[in-house]
Protein backbone atom coordinates (compact mmCIF):
# COMPACT_ATOMS: atom_id res chain seq x y z
CA MET A 1 14.89 -4.51 -14.99
CA ALA A 2 17.85 -6.99 -14.89
CA ALA A 3 21.16 -5.05 -16.32
CA GLY A 4 21.92 -5.81 -19.72
CA THR A 5 18.74 -7.62 -20.23
CA GLY A 6 15.85 -5.27 -19.92
CA ALA A 7 14.20 -8.20 -17.97
CA GLY A 8 12.13 -7.46 -14.95
CA ALA A 9 9.74 -4.63 -13.57
CA ARG A 10 7.88 -2.55 -15.83
CA ARG A 11 6.23 1.00 -15.26
CA ARG A 12 3.77 2.75 -17.04
CA SER A 13 3.69 6.48 -17.03
CA ARG A 14 0.16 8.18 -18.10
CA GLY A 15 2.24 9.89 -21.13
CA GLY A 16 4.10 7.13 -22.73
CA THR A 17 7.86 7.06 -22.29
CA GLY A 18 10.45 8.84 -24.90
CA GLY A 19 12.04 5.46 -25.85
CA ASP A 20 14.71 3.32 -24.15
CA PRO A 21 16.14 4.59 -20.68
CA ALA A 22 19.48 5.55 -19.73
CA VAL A 23 20.40 3.23 -17.04
CA VAL A 24 23.37 4.45 -14.34
CA ASP A 25 24.36 2.71 -11.25
CA GLY A 26 20.90 0.80 -10.75
CA VAL A 27 18.43 3.72 -11.82
CA ALA A 28 16.59 4.01 -15.11
CA TYR A 29 15.96 7.30 -16.62
CA THR A 30 13.26 7.87 -19.02
CA GLY A 31 11.34 10.71 -20.12
CA SER A 32 7.53 10.72 -20.31
CA GLY A 33 4.64 12.40 -22.49
CA ASP A 34 3.12 13.69 -19.30
CA GLY A 35 5.73 16.15 -18.88
CA ASN A 36 7.87 14.56 -16.39
CA LEU A 37 11.83 12.82 -16.23
CA TYR A 38 11.43 9.77 -13.91
CA ALA A 39 14.21 7.97 -12.14
CA VAL A 40 13.09 4.13 -11.60
CA ASP A 41 15.09 1.47 -9.74
CA ALA A 42 16.26 -0.70 -12.22
CA THR A 43 15.78 -3.75 -10.20
CA THR A 44 12.13 -3.37 -8.49
CA GLY A 45 10.68 -0.73 -10.74
CA GLY A 46 9.81 1.45 -7.98
CA LYS A 47 9.64 5.21 -8.55
CA ARG A 48 12.54 7.21 -6.98
CA TRP A 49 11.45 10.43 -8.07
CA ALA A 50 9.95 12.68 -10.93
CA PHE A 51 11.21 15.82 -12.47
CA PRO A 52 8.69 17.88 -14.27
CA THR A 53 9.44 20.08 -17.08
CA GLY A 54 6.18 21.16 -18.17
CA SER A 55 6.36 19.99 -21.70
CA PRO A 56 6.36 16.34 -22.79
CA VAL A 57 9.98 14.60 -23.05
CA GLY A 58 10.29 12.71 -26.16
CA ALA A 59 14.42 12.03 -26.21
CA VAL A 60 16.37 9.48 -24.39
CA PRO A 61 18.01 11.14 -21.44
CA ALA A 62 21.90 11.24 -21.89
CA PHE A 63 24.33 10.66 -19.01
CA ALA A 64 27.80 12.25 -18.66
CA ASP A 65 30.26 13.43 -15.77
CA GLY A 66 27.71 12.59 -13.22
CA VAL A 67 25.02 15.02 -14.90
CA LEU A 68 22.11 13.93 -16.56
CA TYR A 69 20.96 15.76 -19.98
CA LEU A 70 17.40 15.62 -21.57
CA SER A 71 15.16 18.02 -23.56
CA SER A 72 11.21 18.52 -23.62
CA VAL A 73 9.57 19.15 -26.82
CA ASN A 74 9.53 22.77 -26.20
CA GLY A 75 12.74 23.10 -26.99
CA VAL A 76 14.15 23.67 -23.16
CA VAL A 77 17.18 21.56 -22.49
CA TYR A 78 17.89 20.19 -18.92
CA ALA A 79 20.80 19.40 -16.62
CA VAL A 80 19.91 17.53 -14.16
CA THR A 81 22.24 16.33 -11.10
């Protein structure tokens, strides 16, 4: 995606996403209904990594002080560095 415009590459997860991604330093972070947090290159759309939560992620991740925070629908809150 182009910074500030949302234009560019698109990826689709098997479970849908939890809303708009958190974009930090060229990486888009989004939760998915398939139980993963995905890190995607915001320019190319290429998957960098996936973090399994074991439950769908319905909320938009938040980033603060070098830590990405998210919660899954089973009530678990994660802090990913």
